[in-house]
Protein backbone atom coordinates (compact mmCIF):
# COMPACT_ATOMS: atom_id res chain seq x y z
CA MET A 1 0.00 0.00 0.00
CA LYS A 2 2.84 2.40 0.85
CA ARG A 3 4.52 1.60 -2.45
CA VAL A 4 1.34 2.46 -4.43
CA SER A 5 0.94 5.72 -2.52
CA LEU A 6 4.58 6.61 -3.19
CA ILE A 7 4.24 5.88 -6.91
CA LEU A 8 1.03 7.92 -7.17
CA SER A 9 2.68 10.81 -5.34
CA VAL A 10 5.68 10.77 -7.69
CA VAL A 11 3.42 10.66 -10.76
CA ALA A 12 1.32 13.58 -9.45
CA LEU A 13 4.47 15.61 -8.76
CA CYS A 14 5.84 14.91 -12.24
CA LEU A 15 2.59 16.11 -13.79
CA ALA A 16 2.52 19.28 -11.67
CA ILE A 17 6.12 20.39 -12.29
CA PRO A 18 5.60 21.67 -15.90
CA ALA A 19 2.67 23.84 -14.79
CA LEU A 20 4.68 25.21 -11.88
CA MET A 21 7.65 25.94 -14.12
CA LEU A 22 5.44 27.78 -16.64
CA GLY A 23 3.95 29.83 -13.83
CA GLN A 24 7.32 30.83 -12.41
CA ASP A 25 8.68 31.71 -15.83
CA ASN A 26 5.71 33.69 -17.16
CA PRO A 27 5.49 37.32 -15.99
CA ALA A 28 2.12 37.73 -17.76
CA LEU A 29 0.32 35.47 -15.27
CA GLY A 30 -2.13 37.13 -12.94
CA THR A 31 -5.10 39.45 -13.01
CA TRP A 32 -4.66 42.78 -14.78
CA LYS A 33 -7.03 45.75 -14.97
CA LEU A 34 -7.06 48.16 -17.92
CA ASN A 35 -5.89 51.64 -16.94
CA ALA A 36 -8.15 53.66 -19.26
CA GLU A 37 -6.46 56.96 -18.39
CA LYS A 38 -3.05 55.74 -19.57
CA SER A 39 -4.39 53.88 -22.63
CA LYS A 40 -4.70 55.48 -26.10
CA TYR A 41 -6.71 54.56 -29.18
CA THR A 42 -6.46 55.77 -32.79
CA GLY A 43 -9.31 55.22 -35.24
CA MET A 44 -11.45 53.45 -32.66
CA GLU A 45 -12.88 53.82 -29.20
CA GLY A 46 -11.43 51.86 -26.32
CA PRO A 47 -13.40 49.71 -23.91
CA LYS A 48 -14.94 51.34 -20.85
CA SER A 49 -13.43 48.61 -18.68
CA LEU A 50 -11.48 45.41 -19.20
CA THR A 51 -9.96 42.84 -16.87
CA ARG A 52 -7.38 40.40 -18.23
CA THR A 53 -6.70 37.16 -16.36
CA VAL A 54 -3.86 34.82 -17.36
CA VAL A 55 -3.37 31.46 -15.62
CA ALA A 56 -0.98 28.57 -16.22
CA ASP A 57 -2.71 25.57 -17.79
CA GLY A 58 -0.18 22.74 -18.06
CA ASP A 59 2.32 23.80 -20.73
CA SER A 60 -0.09 26.50 -21.95
CA ALA A 61 -1.50 29.79 -20.69
CA LYS A 62 -5.22 30.43 -20.47
CA TYR A 63 -6.34 34.02 -21.11
CA SER A 64 -9.75 35.44 -20.25
CA PHE A 65 -11.02 38.98 -20.71
CA GLU A 66 -14.15 40.52 -19.20
CA GLY A 67 -15.43 44.07 -19.27
CA THR A 68 -17.59 46.62 -21.03
CA GLY A 69 -17.03 47.79 -24.59
CA ALA A 70 -17.13 51.38 -25.81
CA ASP A 71 -20.74 50.77 -26.87
CA GLY A 72 -21.71 49.64 -23.36
CA LYS A 73 -22.08 45.98 -24.38
CA PRO A 74 -20.41 43.22 -22.38
CA VAL A 75 -17.01 41.98 -23.53
CA ALA A 76 -16.10 38.40 -22.63
CA TYR A 77 -13.63 36.30 -24.60
CA GLY A 78 -10.78 33.91 -24.03
CA PHE A 79 -8.24 31.53 -25.50
CA THR A 80 -5.51 29.08 -24.50
CA VAL A 81 -2.06 29.31 -26.12
CA LYS A 82 1.33 27.60 -25.90
CA TYR A 83 3.46 30.59 -27.05
CA ASP A 84 4.52 28.52 -30.05
CA GLY A 85 3.17 30.84 -32.75
CA LYS A 86 0.42 28.40 -33.73
CA ASP A 87 -3.18 29.53 -34.13
CA ALA A 88 -5.49 29.02 -31.17
CA PRO A 89 -9.26 29.54 -31.36
CA VAL A 90 -10.88 32.46 -29.55
CA THR A 91 -14.26 32.00 -27.88
CA GLY A 92 -16.71 34.66 -26.75
CA SER A 93 -17.32 38.21 -27.97
CA GLY A 94 -15.40 41.44 -28.12
CA MET A 95 -12.03 40.18 -29.36
CA PRO A 96 -10.08 43.03 -31.00
CA TYR A 97 -10.47 43.35 -34.79
CA GLY A 98 -13.19 40.67 -34.69
CA ALA A 99 -10.49 37.98 -34.59
CA ASP A 100 -11.48 34.35 -34.21
CA HIS A 101 -7.92 32.99 -33.79
CA ILE A 102 -4.72 34.19 -32.14
CA ALA A 103 -1.11 33.00 -32.30
CA ILE A 104 1.34 34.19 -29.63
CA LYS A 105 5.12 33.82 -29.45
CA ARG A 106 7.35 34.72 -26.56
CA VAL A 107 10.09 36.92 -28.02
CA GLY A 108 11.89 37.88 -24.81
CA PRO A 109 11.75 37.30 -21.07
CA ASN A 110 9.01 39.95 -20.66
CA LYS A 111 7.83 40.37 -24.26
CA PHE A 112 5.15 38.58 -26.30
CA SER A 113 4.13 39.02 -29.94
CA ALA A 114 0.71 38.07 -31.30
CA THR A 115 -1.02 37.76 -34.66
CA LEU A 116 -4.81 37.94 -34.76
CA LYS A 117 -6.79 36.30 -37.56
CA LYS A 118 -10.36 36.24 -38.79
CA ASP A 119 -11.47 33.58 -41.24
CA GLY A 120 -7.81 32.63 -41.79
CA LYS A 121 -6.67 36.15 -42.71
CA ASP A 122 -4.44 38.40 -40.60
CA VAL A 123 -6.46 41.28 -39.12
CA GLY A 124 -4.07 42.56 -36.47
CA THR A 125 -0.85 42.28 -34.55
CA SER A 126 0.12 43.15 -31.02
CA THR A 127 3.16 43.24 -28.80
CA SER A 128 2.87 43.12 -25.03
CA VAL A 129 5.65 43.95 -22.60
CA VAL A 130 5.58 43.29 -18.87
CA SER A 131 7.43 46.00 -16.95
CA LYS A 132 10.63 45.03 -15.13
CA ASP A 133 8.91 45.46 -11.78
CA GLY A 134 6.03 43.21 -12.95
CA LYS A 135 3.36 45.79 -12.10
CA THR A 136 2.18 46.78 -15.60
CA ILE A 137 1.69 45.31 -19.04
CA THR A 138 1.73 47.60 -22.07
CA LEU A 139 0.07 46.20 -25.17
CA ASN A 140 0.59 47.93 -28.53
CA GLY A 141 -1.83 46.77 -31.22
CA LYS A 142 -2.44 47.52 -34.89
CA GLY A 143 -5.12 46.17 -37.13
CA THR A 144 -8.07 46.82 -39.39
CA VAL A 145 -11.74 47.24 -38.60
CA ASP A 146 -14.11 47.45 -41.59
CA GLY A 147 -11.11 48.08 -43.86
CA LYS A 148 -9.92 51.00 -41.72
CA ALA A 149 -6.51 51.03 -39.99
CA VAL A 150 -6.70 51.32 -36.20
CA SER A 151 -4.17 51.17 -33.38
CA SER A 152 -4.04 51.19 -29.63
CA THR A 153 -1.74 51.30 -26.66
CA GLN A 154 -3.35 49.62 -23.67
CA VAL A 155 -1.84 49.80 -20.21
CA TYR A 156 -2.86 47.18 -17.62
CA ASP A 157 -2.10 47.36 -13.90
CA LYS A 158 -1.54 44.15 -11.93
CA GLN A 159 -4.19 43.50 -9.32
């Protein structure tokens, strides 16, 4: 009986280690609130509020966003990515540029680059940088909405 318990404990630990390592190595994890006063938008209106939550999910990261759009409608979308540059589906409503897929790569210790797609076509790009002190994320995005070029700089504060 002790041997079975020991084996199960070792197996559970081996399964948990990758998630723990991802969590320790990913400065984007946590809950982040949009700082509307520090954020800027060109060619579009920004959301009234937005909360970004990123949690480790095995060897992936699970993102969820909730808030209120510029039009007062609820915004709620999410996706799970591996930072491998491969497309991941987006669920929910309010994703920037109307994207239905996102691909994210980690391009530095605190920097991530994303490509947003709709119906298989690129509709936007973004780069997010976590500050050295880990208290803010700045996301610079560019894309098209109804054939019109738009851009934004969103600043999120860690909660």
